[in-house]
């Protein structure tokens, strides 16, 4: 194979030109014009940089913002934890109070049920005694009166 086929850049290496393509001494007019243009560009860049510095956040701004956010999060977490603890204590007290009320209601219901049951027993006993008494007495009375 040929050397051109091996190195595709070979043809461009031969045609390269030196950096100094100016036609005159080192301080010719075109150099002054280029320098003036560069100075104007630097002035524009300085203005743009000043605008960026005033409108954009820097690393220190971001670090301060991060610290503020972390502080706010810590305070919010502390408030939330305090609120949760208070709520838990209130709920626990409400449960204890509800249990006590429930126990009192159950005890009252038991007492009412016992009283009603005792009254029912007494009523049944009276009815049975009366029925037996009448069953024994009624035939004798009917015989005596001849009915």
Foldseek 3Di string as FASTA:
>chain_A
DDPCVVPVCVVVVVVDDDPPPDDDDPDDPVVVVVVVVVVVVVVVVVVVVVVCVVPDDDPVNVVVVVVVVVVVVVVVVVVVVVVVVVVVVVVVVVVVVVVVVVVVVVVVVVVVVVVVVVVVVVVVVVVVVVVVVCVVVVVVVCVVVVD
